[in-house]
C-alpha atoms as a PDB file:
ATOM      1  CA  MET A   1      97.664  -5.243 151.736  1.00  0.00           C
ATOM      2  CA  LYS A   2      96.691  -4.176 148.222  1.00  0.00           C
ATOM      3  CA  PHE A   3      94.064  -1.418 148.096  1.00  0.00           C
ATOM      4  CA  LEU A   4      92.023  -0.291 145.112  1.00  0.00           C
ATOM      5  CA  ASN A   5      89.147   1.969 144.134  1.00  0.00           C
ATOM      6  CA  PHE A   6      86.250   0.588 142.110  1.00  0.00           C
ATOM      7  CA  ARG A   7      82.819   1.719 140.963  1.00  0.00           C
ATOM      8  CA  LEU A   8      79.703  -0.051 142.198  1.00  0.00           C
ATOM      9  CA  ASP A   9      76.082   1.056 141.832  1.00  0.00           C
ATOM     10  CA  GLY A  10      77.219   4.492 140.689  1.00  0.00           C
ATOM     11  CA  GLY A  11      79.487   5.129 143.684  1.00  0.00           C
ATOM     12  CA  THR A  12      83.173   4.781 144.511  1.00  0.00           C
ATOM     13  CA  HIS A  13      84.128   1.954 146.865  1.00  0.00           C
ATOM     14  CA  LEU A  14      87.366   1.040 148.611  1.00  0.00           C
ATOM     15  CA  GLY A  15      88.498  -2.552 148.180  1.00  0.00           C
ATOM     16  CA  VAL A  16      91.341  -4.721 149.424  1.00  0.00           C
ATOM     17  CA  MET A  17      92.587  -7.712 147.464  1.00  0.00           C
ATOM     18  CA  LEU A  18      91.884 -11.229 148.708  1.00  0.00           C
ATOM     19  CA  GLY A  19      94.609 -13.145 146.903  1.00  0.00           C
ATOM     20  CA  GLU A  20      94.693 -12.499 143.163  1.00  0.00           C
ATOM     21  CA  THR A  21      91.083 -13.089 142.133  1.00  0.00           C
ATOM     22  CA  HIS A  22      88.732 -11.520 144.703  1.00  0.00           C
ATOM     23  CA  VAL A  23      88.221  -8.169 146.392  1.00  0.00           C
ATOM     24  CA  LEU A  24      86.770  -7.442 149.808  1.00  0.00           C
ATOM     25  CA  ASP A  25      84.483  -4.404 149.629  1.00  0.00           C
ATOM     26  CA  VAL A  26      85.818  -2.442 152.608  1.00  0.00           C
ATOM     27  CA  SER A  27      83.200   0.283 152.206  1.00  0.00           C
ATOM     28  CA  MET A  28      80.371  -2.244 152.567  1.00  0.00           C
ATOM     29  CA  ALA A  29      82.030  -4.483 155.180  1.00  0.00           C
ATOM     30  CA  TRP A  30      83.006  -1.585 157.469  1.00  0.00           C
ATOM     31  CA  PRO A  31      81.724  -2.477 160.943  1.00  0.00           C
ATOM     32  CA  ALA A  32      79.239  -0.298 162.784  1.00  0.00           C
ATOM     33  CA  GLY A  33      80.928   1.641 165.545  1.00  0.00           C
ATOM     34  CA  ALA A  34      84.371   1.460 163.935  1.00  0.00           C
ATOM     35  CA  ALA A  35      86.712   4.423 164.047  1.00  0.00           C
ATOM     36  CA  GLY A  36      85.111   7.003 161.772  1.00  0.00           C
ATOM     37  CA  PRO A  37      82.866   6.503 158.743  1.00  0.00           C
ATOM     38  CA  ALA A  38      83.521   3.826 156.156  1.00  0.00           C
ATOM     39  CA  PRO A  39      86.227   5.013 153.709  1.00  0.00           C
ATOM     40  CA  ASP A  40      85.118   5.031 150.067  1.00  0.00           C
ATOM     41  CA  SER A  41      88.576   5.393 148.491  1.00  0.00           C
ATOM     42  CA  VAL A  42      92.290   4.936 149.042  1.00  0.00           C
ATOM     43  CA  ASP A  43      92.606   8.655 149.796  1.00  0.00           C
ATOM     44  CA  ALA A  44      89.864   8.439 152.428  1.00  0.00           C
ATOM     45  CA  LEU A  45      91.646   5.500 154.046  1.00  0.00           C
ATOM     46  CA  ILE A  46      94.939   7.415 154.141  1.00  0.00           C
ATOM     47  CA  LEU A  47      93.276  10.423 155.742  1.00  0.00           C
ATOM     48  CA  ALA A  48      91.572   8.197 158.334  1.00  0.00           C
ATOM     49  CA  GLY A  49      94.973   7.154 159.662  1.00  0.00           C
ATOM     50  CA  ASP A  50      96.287   4.136 161.545  1.00  0.00           C
ATOM     51  CA  ALA A  51      92.999   3.381 163.307  1.00  0.00           C
ATOM     52  CA  ALA A  52      91.308   2.768 159.947  1.00  0.00           C
ATOM     53  CA  LEU A  53      94.169   0.521 158.834  1.00  0.00           C
ATOM     54  CA  GLU A  54      93.662  -1.584 161.945  1.00  0.00           C
ATOM     55  CA  VAL A  55      89.980  -1.991 161.045  1.00  0.00           C
ATOM     56  CA  VAL A  56      90.982  -3.229 157.584  1.00  0.00           C
ATOM     57  CA  ARG A  57      93.447  -5.689 159.102  1.00  0.00           C
ATOM     58  CA  GLN A  58      90.668  -7.049 161.298  1.00  0.00           C
ATOM     59  CA  LEU A  59      88.330  -7.340 158.316  1.00  0.00           C
ATOM     60  CA  LEU A  60      90.973  -9.308 156.428  1.00  0.00           C
ATOM     61  CA  TRP A  61      91.457 -11.631 159.384  1.00  0.00           C
ATOM     62  CA  GLU A  62      87.697 -12.225 159.458  1.00  0.00           C
ATOM     63  CA  HIS A  63      87.113 -12.260 155.693  1.00  0.00           C
ATOM     64  CA  ASP A  64      86.001 -15.906 155.586  1.00  0.00           C
ATOM     65  CA  MET A  65      83.001 -14.831 157.654  1.00  0.00           C
ATOM     66  CA  GLN A  66      82.098 -11.885 155.433  1.00  0.00           C
ATOM     67  CA  GLU A  67      78.766 -11.694 153.636  1.00  0.00           C
ATOM     68  CA  ALA A  68      79.097 -12.947 150.070  1.00  0.00           C
ATOM     69  CA  SER A  69      77.757  -9.582 148.908  1.00  0.00           C
ATOM     70  CA  ASN A  70      80.879  -7.922 150.342  1.00  0.00           C
ATOM     71  CA  VAL A  71      83.255  -9.981 148.177  1.00  0.00           C
ATOM     72  CA  HIS A  72      83.580  -9.417 144.417  1.00  0.00           C
ATOM     73  CA  ARG A  73      85.508 -11.039 141.621  1.00  0.00           C
ATOM     74  CA  TYR A  74      88.342  -8.718 140.651  1.00  0.00           C
ATOM     75  CA  ASP A  75      87.850  -9.293 136.923  1.00  0.00           C
ATOM     76  CA  ALA A  76      84.169  -8.294 137.183  1.00  0.00           C
ATOM     77  CA  LEU A  77      84.825  -4.868 138.712  1.00  0.00           C
ATOM     78  CA  GLU A  78      85.158  -1.468 137.059  1.00  0.00           C
ATOM     79  CA  ILE A  79      88.528  -0.438 138.455  1.00  0.00           C
ATOM     80  CA  LEU A  80      89.177   3.261 139.076  1.00  0.00           C
ATOM     81  CA  PRO A  81      92.526   5.027 139.490  1.00  0.00           C
ATOM     82  CA  PRO A  82      93.670   4.751 143.140  1.00  0.00           C
ATOM     83  CA  ALA A  83      94.003   8.531 143.470  1.00  0.00           C
ATOM     84  CA  ASP A  84      91.420  11.252 144.022  1.00  0.00           C
ATOM     85  CA  PRO A  85      90.910  13.060 140.684  1.00  0.00           C
ATOM     86  CA  ARG A  86      90.292  16.265 142.647  1.00  0.00           C
ATOM     87  CA  GLY A  87      93.766  16.216 144.230  1.00  0.00           C
ATOM     88  CA  ARG A  88      96.684  18.373 143.230  1.00  0.00           C
ATOM     89  CA  ASN A  89      98.986  17.555 140.346  1.00  0.00           C
ATOM     90  CA  ILE A  90     100.898  14.292 140.329  1.00  0.00           C
ATOM     91  CA  PHE A  91     104.616  14.850 140.869  1.00  0.00           C
ATOM     92  CA  ASN A  92     107.096  13.205 138.521  1.00  0.00           C
ATOM     93  CA  VAL A  93     110.831  12.644 138.396  1.00  0.00           C
ATOM     94  CA  GLY A  94     112.490  12.925 135.006  1.00  0.00           C
ATOM     95  CA  ARG A  95     115.672  11.171 133.869  1.00  0.00           C
ATOM     96  CA  ASN A  96     116.331   8.907 136.857  1.00  0.00           C
ATOM     97  CA  TYR A  97     117.705   5.763 135.127  1.00  0.00           C
ATOM     98  CA  ARG A  98     121.202   6.016 133.656  1.00  0.00           C
ATOM     99  CA  GLU A  99     120.566   3.930 130.517  1.00  0.00           C
ATOM    100  CA  HIS A 100     117.346   5.828 129.772  1.00  0.00           C
ATOM    101  CA  ILE A 101     119.233   9.111 130.078  1.00  0.00           C
ATOM    102  CA  ILE A 102     121.830   7.866 127.595  1.00  0.00           C
ATOM    103  CA  GLU A 103     119.221   6.741 125.055  1.00  0.00           C
ATOM    104  CA  GLY A 104     117.385  10.058 125.431  1.00  0.00           C
ATOM    105  CA  ASN A 105     120.577  12.067 125.044  1.00  0.00           C
ATOM    106  CA  LEU A 106     121.500  10.205 121.863  1.00  0.00           C
ATOM    107  CA  ALA A 107     117.962  10.512 120.440  1.00  0.00           C
ATOM    108  CA  ASN A 108     118.014  14.260 121.073  1.00  0.00           C
ATOM    109  CA  GLY A 109     121.545  14.916 119.828  1.00  0.00           C
ATOM    110  CA  ARG A 110     123.089  15.546 123.257  1.00  0.00           C
ATOM    111  CA  PRO A 111     126.324  14.079 124.651  1.00  0.00           C
ATOM    112  CA  ALA A 112     125.587  10.561 125.933  1.00  0.00           C
ATOM    113  CA  ASP A 113     127.122  11.268 129.349  1.00  0.00           C
ATOM    114  CA  ALA A 114     125.115  14.428 130.149  1.00  0.00           C
ATOM    115  CA  PHE A 115     123.576  13.328 133.465  1.00  0.00           C
ATOM    116  CA  PRO A 116     121.474  15.458 135.841  1.00  0.00           C
ATOM    117  CA  THR A 117     123.172  16.711 138.998  1.00  0.00           C
ATOM    118  CA  ALA A 118     119.872  17.316 140.794  1.00  0.00           C
ATOM    119  CA  ILE A 119     116.448  15.689 140.584  1.00  0.00           C
ATOM    120  CA  GLU A 120     114.376  17.019 137.691  1.00  0.00           C
ATOM    121  CA  PHE A 121     110.773  17.420 138.840  1.00  0.00           C
ATOM    122  CA  PHE A 122     107.670  18.112 136.736  1.00  0.00           C
ATOM    123  CA  THR A 123     103.935  17.504 137.192  1.00  0.00           C
ATOM    124  CA  LYS A 124     100.959  15.949 135.422  1.00  0.00           C
ATOM    125  CA  PRO A 125      97.404  17.183 136.141  1.00  0.00           C
ATOM    126  CA  ARG A 126      94.961  14.649 137.553  1.00  0.00           C
ATOM    127  CA  THR A 127      92.675  15.277 134.581  1.00  0.00           C
ATOM    128  CA  ALA A 128      95.185  13.007 132.797  1.00  0.00           C
ATOM    129  CA  LEU A 129      94.365   9.997 135.011  1.00  0.00           C
ATOM    130  CA  ALA A 130      93.278   6.737 133.367  1.00  0.00           C
ATOM    131  CA  ALA A 131      92.286   3.499 135.080  1.00  0.00           C
ATOM    132  CA  HIS A 132      93.524  -0.059 134.709  1.00  0.00           C
ATOM    133  CA  GLY A 133      91.650  -1.558 131.780  1.00  0.00           C
ATOM    134  CA  GLY A 134      90.842   1.908 130.457  1.00  0.00           C
ATOM    135  CA  GLN A 135      91.640   3.541 127.142  1.00  0.00           C
ATOM    136  CA  VAL A 136      94.554   5.809 126.272  1.00  0.00           C
ATOM    137  CA  LEU A 137      93.669   8.339 123.579  1.00  0.00           C
ATOM    138  CA  ARG A 138      96.036   8.422 120.617  1.00  0.00           C
ATOM    139  CA  HIS A 139      95.610  12.213 120.134  1.00  0.00           C
ATOM    140  CA  ALA A 140      96.747  11.791 116.533  1.00  0.00           C
ATOM    141  CA  GLY A 141      95.774  15.366 115.686  1.00  0.00           C
ATOM    142  CA  LEU A 142      98.246  16.651 118.271  1.00  0.00           C
ATOM    143  CA  THR A 143     101.172  14.255 118.312  1.00  0.00           C
ATOM    144  CA  ALA A 144     103.016  11.950 115.964  1.00  0.00           C
ATOM    145  CA  SER A 145     105.084  10.361 118.750  1.00  0.00           C
ATOM    146  CA  LEU A 146     102.960   9.178 121.674  1.00  0.00           C
ATOM    147  CA  ASP A 147     105.191   7.139 123.960  1.00  0.00           C
ATOM    148  CA  TYR A 148     105.082   4.965 127.101  1.00  0.00           C
ATOM    149  CA  GLU A 149     107.087   4.952 130.363  1.00  0.00           C
ATOM    150  CA  VAL A 150     106.586   2.401 133.155  1.00  0.00           C
ATOM    151  CA  GLU A 151     107.311   3.908 136.576  1.00  0.00           C
ATOM    152  CA  LEU A 152     107.090   3.047 140.252  1.00  0.00           C
ATOM    153  CA  ALA A 153     104.918   5.651 141.978  1.00  0.00           C
ATOM    154  CA  ILE A 154     105.031   6.622 145.642  1.00  0.00           C
ATOM    155  CA  VAL A 155     101.819   7.420 147.539  1.00  0.00           C
ATOM    156  CA  ILE A 156     102.371   9.718 150.513  1.00  0.00           C
ATOM    157  CA  GLY A 157     100.662   8.735 153.757  1.00  0.00           C
ATOM    158  CA  ARG A 158     101.953  11.293 156.239  1.00  0.00           C
ATOM    159  CA  GLY A 159     102.565  14.810 155.040  1.00  0.00           C
ATOM    160  CA  GLY A 160     105.445  17.038 155.959  1.00  0.00           C
ATOM    161  CA  ARG A 161     107.988  19.623 154.895  1.00  0.00           C
ATOM    162  CA  ASP A 162     111.787  19.409 154.962  1.00  0.00           C
ATOM    163  CA  ILE A 163     111.639  15.668 155.561  1.00  0.00           C
ATOM    164  CA  PRO A 164     115.087  14.168 156.274  1.00  0.00           C
ATOM    165  CA  ALA A 165     116.034  11.331 153.936  1.00  0.00           C
ATOM    166  CA  ALA A 166     116.516   9.048 156.952  1.00  0.00           C
ATOM    167  CA  GLU A 167     112.827   9.531 157.835  1.00  0.00           C
ATOM    168  CA  ALA A 168     111.358   9.732 154.337  1.00  0.00           C
ATOM    169  CA  LEU A 169     110.055   6.160 154.092  1.00  0.00           C
ATOM    170  CA  GLN A 170     108.022   6.735 157.264  1.00  0.00           C
ATOM    171  CA  HIS A 171     105.953   9.213 155.229  1.00  0.00           C
ATOM    172  CA  VAL A 172     105.105   6.679 152.502  1.00  0.00           C
ATOM    173  CA  PHE A 173     101.709   4.955 152.594  1.00  0.00           C
ATOM    174  CA  GLY A 174     102.387   2.663 149.674  1.00  0.00           C
ATOM    175  CA  TYR A 175     103.362   2.150 146.059  1.00  0.00           C
ATOM    176  CA  THR A 176     101.582   1.780 142.728  1.00  0.00           C
ATOM    177  CA  ILE A 177     102.269   1.650 138.977  1.00  0.00           C
ATOM    178  CA  LEU A 178     102.201   4.713 136.723  1.00  0.00           C
ATOM    179  CA  ASN A 179     102.550   4.799 132.930  1.00  0.00           C
ATOM    180  CA  ASP A 180     103.865   8.251 132.043  1.00  0.00           C
ATOM    181  CA  ILE A 181     102.364   8.525 128.539  1.00  0.00           C
ATOM    182  CA  THR A 182     104.253  11.259 126.706  1.00  0.00           C
ATOM    183  CA  ALA A 183     103.864  13.203 123.461  1.00  0.00           C
ATOM    184  CA  ARG A 184     107.540  13.599 122.595  1.00  0.00           C
ATOM    185  CA  ASP A 185     107.037  16.152 119.837  1.00  0.00           C
ATOM    186  CA  LEU A 186     104.965  18.385 122.142  1.00  0.00           C
ATOM    187  CA  GLN A 187     107.794  18.257 124.668  1.00  0.00           C
ATOM    188  CA  ARG A 188     110.175  19.614 122.055  1.00  0.00           C
ATOM    189  CA  LEU A 189     107.689  22.122 120.637  1.00  0.00           C
ATOM    190  CA  HIS A 190     106.955  23.766 123.998  1.00  0.00           C
ATOM    191  CA  GLY A 191     110.506  23.557 125.345  1.00  0.00           C
ATOM    192  CA  GLN A 192     109.432  21.865 128.597  1.00  0.00           C
ATOM    193  CA  TRP A 193     107.742  18.666 129.761  1.00  0.00           C
ATOM    194  CA  PHE A 194     104.336  19.697 131.130  1.00  0.00           C
ATOM    195  CA  LYS A 195     102.213  19.967 127.981  1.00  0.00           C
ATOM    196  CA  GLY A 196     103.598  16.840 126.337  1.00  0.00           C
ATOM    197  CA  LYS A 197     102.905  14.793 129.453  1.00  0.00           C
ATOM    198  CA  SER A 198      99.498  16.213 130.375  1.00  0.00           C
ATOM    199  CA  LEU A 199      97.099  15.182 127.609  1.00  0.00           C
ATOM    200  CA  ASP A 200      93.888  13.504 128.743  1.00  0.00           C
ATOM    201  CA  THR A 201      94.406   9.782 129.582  1.00  0.00           C
ATOM    202  CA  SER A 202      98.205  10.248 129.636  1.00  0.00           C
ATOM    203  CA  CYS A 203      98.488   9.066 133.245  1.00  0.00           C
ATOM    204  CA  PRO A 204      97.328   5.455 133.663  1.00  0.00           C
ATOM    205  CA  LEU A 205      97.650   4.625 137.374  1.00  0.00           C
ATOM    206  CA  GLY A 206      97.026   1.532 139.471  1.00  0.00           C
ATOM    207  CA  PRO A 207      95.348  -0.809 139.633  1.00  0.00           C
ATOM    208  CA  VAL A 208      96.294  -1.133 143.303  1.00  0.00           C
ATOM    209  CA  VAL A 209      98.268   0.669 145.967  1.00  0.00           C
ATOM    210  CA  VAL A 210     100.385  -1.828 147.901  1.00  0.00           C
ATOM    211  CA  HIS A 211     100.880  -0.830 151.518  1.00  0.00           C
ATOM    212  CA  ALA A 212     104.493   0.041 152.300  1.00  0.00           C
ATOM    213  CA  SER A 213     104.654  -2.734 154.914  1.00  0.00           C
ATOM    214  CA  ALA A 214     104.378  -5.295 152.080  1.00  0.00           C
ATOM    215  CA  ILE A 215     107.359  -3.909 150.108  1.00  0.00           C
ATOM    216  CA  ALA A 216     110.621  -4.918 151.767  1.00  0.00           C
ATOM    217  CA  ASP A 217     112.810  -2.673 149.604  1.00  0.00           C
ATOM    218  CA  PRO A 218     111.250  -0.247 147.084  1.00  0.00           C
ATOM    219  CA  ASP A 219     114.726   0.409 145.697  1.00  0.00           C
ATOM    220  CA  ALA A 220     115.024  -3.202 144.495  1.00  0.00           C
ATOM    221  CA  LEU A 221     111.883  -3.958 142.465  1.00  0.00           C
ATOM    222  CA  MET A 222     111.801  -5.321 138.926  1.00  0.00           C
ATOM    223  CA  LEU A 223     109.643  -3.348 136.500  1.00  0.00           C
ATOM    224  CA  GLU A 224     108.831  -4.000 132.865  1.00  0.00           C
ATOM    225  CA  LEU A 225     106.519  -2.947 130.050  1.00  0.00           C
ATOM    226  CA  ASP A 226     105.375  -4.660 126.873  1.00  0.00           C
ATOM    227  CA  VAL A 227     103.412  -3.475 123.845  1.00  0.00           C
ATOM    228  CA  ASP A 228     101.213  -6.155 122.247  1.00  0.00           C
ATOM    229  CA  GLY A 229     103.273  -8.764 124.076  1.00  0.00           C
ATOM    230  CA  GLU A 230     106.662  -7.436 122.917  1.00  0.00           C
ATOM    231  CA  LEU A 231     108.911  -6.603 125.868  1.00  0.00           C
ATOM    232  CA  ARG A 232     110.123  -3.007 125.557  1.00  0.00           C
ATOM    233  CA  GLN A 233     111.341  -2.067 129.045  1.00  0.00           C
ATOM    234  CA  ARG A 234     112.844  -4.163 131.823  1.00  0.00           C
ATOM    235  CA  ASP A 235     115.016  -2.999 134.724  1.00  0.00           C
ATOM    236  CA  SER A 236     115.150  -2.713 138.506  1.00  0.00           C
ATOM    237  CA  THR A 237     114.518   0.322 140.669  1.00  0.00           C
ATOM    238  CA  ALA A 238     118.021  -0.436 141.958  1.00  0.00           C
ATOM    239  CA  SER A 239     119.171   1.295 138.748  1.00  0.00           C
ATOM    240  CA  MET A 240     117.650   4.627 139.793  1.00  0.00           C
ATOM    241  CA  ILE A 241     120.124   7.467 140.295  1.00  0.00           C
ATOM    242  CA  PHE A 242     117.991   8.999 143.051  1.00  0.00           C
ATOM    243  CA  SER A 243     116.470   6.629 145.630  1.00  0.00           C
ATOM    244  CA  ILE A 244     112.918   6.665 146.974  1.00  0.00           C
ATOM    245  CA  ALA A 245     114.028   8.328 150.221  1.00  0.00           C
ATOM    246  CA  THR A 246     116.067  10.934 148.354  1.00  0.00           C
ATOM    247  CA  ILE A 247     113.138  11.784 146.069  1.00  0.00           C
ATOM    248  CA  VAL A 248     110.677  12.259 148.946  1.00  0.00           C
ATOM    249  CA  SER A 249     113.169  14.282 150.957  1.00  0.00           C
ATOM    250  CA  SER A 250     114.222  16.502 148.051  1.00  0.00           C
ATOM    251  CA  LEU A 251     110.662  17.225 146.912  1.00  0.00           C
ATOM    252  CA  SER A 252     109.660  18.170 150.460  1.00  0.00           C
ATOM    253  CA  GLU A 253     112.425  20.756 150.819  1.00  0.00           C
ATOM    254  CA  GLY A 254     110.581  23.998 151.478  1.00  0.00           C
ATOM    255  CA  MET A 255     107.345  22.481 150.121  1.00  0.00           C
ATOM    256  CA  THR A 256     104.741  20.618 152.140  1.00  0.00           C
ATOM    257  CA  LEU A 257     103.807  17.146 150.935  1.00  0.00           C
ATOM    258  CA  LEU A 258     100.210  16.128 151.649  1.00  0.00           C
ATOM    259  CA  PRO A 259      98.597  12.756 152.389  1.00  0.00           C
ATOM    260  CA  GLY A 260      97.546  11.224 149.077  1.00  0.00           C
ATOM    261  CA  ASP A 261     100.232  12.944 147.010  1.00  0.00           C
ATOM    262  CA  VAL A 262     101.565  10.734 144.218  1.00  0.00           C
ATOM    263  CA  ILE A 263     105.209  10.872 143.085  1.00  0.00           C
ATOM    264  CA  ALA A 264     106.377   8.954 140.001  1.00  0.00           C
ATOM    265  CA  THR A 265     110.049   8.037 140.120  1.00  0.00           C
ATOM    266  CA  GLY A 266     111.255   7.861 136.509  1.00  0.00           C
ATOM    267  CA  THR A 267     111.458   5.217 133.788  1.00  0.00           C
ATOM    268  CA  PRO A 268     114.156   2.815 132.509  1.00  0.00           C
ATOM    269  CA  LYS A 269     115.473   2.484 128.964  1.00  0.00           C
ATOM    270  CA  GLY A 270     113.432   1.071 126.095  1.00  0.00           C
ATOM    271  CA  VAL A 271     111.061   3.906 125.238  1.00  0.00           C
ATOM    272  CA  GLY A 272     109.720   4.047 121.703  1.00  0.00           C
ATOM    273  CA  PHE A 273     111.104   7.404 120.594  1.00  0.00           C
ATOM    274  CA  ALA A 274     114.692   6.274 121.261  1.00  0.00           C
ATOM    275  CA  MET A 275     114.398   3.234 118.960  1.00  0.00           C
ATOM    276  CA  ARG A 276     115.634   3.396 115.375  1.00  0.00           C
ATOM    277  CA  PRO A 277     113.236   3.595 113.672  1.00  0.00           C
ATOM    278  CA  GLN A 278     110.981   5.063 116.364  1.00  0.00           C
ATOM    279  CA  ARG A 279     108.253   2.751 117.615  1.00  0.00           C
ATOM    280  CA  CYS A 280     105.773   4.917 119.448  1.00  0.00           C
ATOM    281  CA  LEU A 281     102.190   3.984 120.315  1.00  0.00           C
ATOM    282  CA  GLN A 282      99.469   3.398 117.721  1.00  0.00           C
ATOM    283  CA  ALA A 283      95.712   2.920 118.013  1.00  0.00           C
ATOM    284  CA  GLY A 284      94.762  -0.668 118.756  1.00  0.00           C
ATOM    285  CA  GLN A 285      97.883  -1.512 120.750  1.00  0.00           C
ATOM    286  CA  THR A 286      97.718  -2.883 124.298  1.00  0.00           C
ATOM    287  CA  VAL A 287     100.292  -1.728 126.836  1.00  0.00           C
ATOM    288  CA  ARG A 288     101.063  -3.785 129.940  1.00  0.00           C
ATOM    289  CA  ALA A 289     103.172  -2.275 132.720  1.00  0.00           C
ATOM    290  CA  ARG A 290     104.273  -4.570 135.558  1.00  0.00           C
ATOM    291  CA  ILE A 291     106.119  -4.044 138.831  1.00  0.00           C
ATOM    292  CA  GLU A 292     107.261  -6.796 141.160  1.00  0.00           C
ATOM    293  CA  GLY A 293     105.076  -7.099 144.243  1.00  0.00           C
ATOM    294  CA  ILE A 294     102.409  -4.732 142.892  1.00  0.00           C
ATOM    295  CA  GLY A 295     100.855  -6.250 139.769  1.00  0.00           C
ATOM    296  CA  GLU A 296      99.984  -5.267 136.217  1.00  0.00           C
ATOM    297  CA  LEU A 297      98.501  -2.088 134.734  1.00  0.00           C
ATOM    298  CA  VAL A 298      96.873  -2.684 131.332  1.00  0.00           C
ATOM    299  CA  ASN A 299      95.582  -0.090 128.861  1.00  0.00           C
ATOM    300  CA  THR A 300      94.570  -0.026 125.189  1.00  0.00           C
ATOM    301  CA  VAL A 301      95.372   2.837 122.819  1.00  0.00           C
ATOM    302  CA  VAL A 302      92.391   4.142 120.830  1.00  0.00           C
ATOM    303  CA  ASP A 303      91.784   6.871 118.255  1.00  0.00           C
END
């Protein structure tokens, strides 16, 4: 199941993909008398628990009998990020792909083999969220090196603290795509990652959250990113130093994870600032981030 948020008649609706071209409006199709009120977002569905998921499964089984008004063309919808903008900061893992670490070390004058011994966590505020099909601001007055980073993102379904790695995947609701847009010069200026990764529109997310049951192995997914059709990044999550289970378990140590939390897992090599000469983002460019089994997240850079 692939879930998404979209705007219709001024409100937020929850949808589920019907193939690649149509969306069932779960909020409108929700049956009277079903468990709880109709969810209007992915977060609302997560909070409603397994009973709500069963209702969605039944709706999908019956979708051929749905009212035509409950089914929309995907390409006609205004897609929203599949995360509540009022939630707490999005968690991120830095430096989790070996080849990306090497290119970053060389670009920053560090020894090539300086690898992290523990997971490096940082956050992005949800004010940075941008939707599939939305614009990414160039912020030319602030940065001369706006960059891209395709990442697999985890969406937590069941919260918890001190989660053992062996149980971590049981706490995952699903997976989505995140583009960790980064102002490299602001990172260096401020001596840490938060400011350079937190500018408005620097967190494109979506377009869908794929339920964990549809992803056989999240540690073996191909991901790639192109800029104006030129392939810049391509690798597998199998190349991550820290696995999905390890990330969830480590982040939860002494800190409670909540349903709806989003955790980005790091990016592979091929970022613009590590190229010689650097090839960071410019106004007018279109960025496409893809992950196997999830789909494509597309955004355009604007002044």
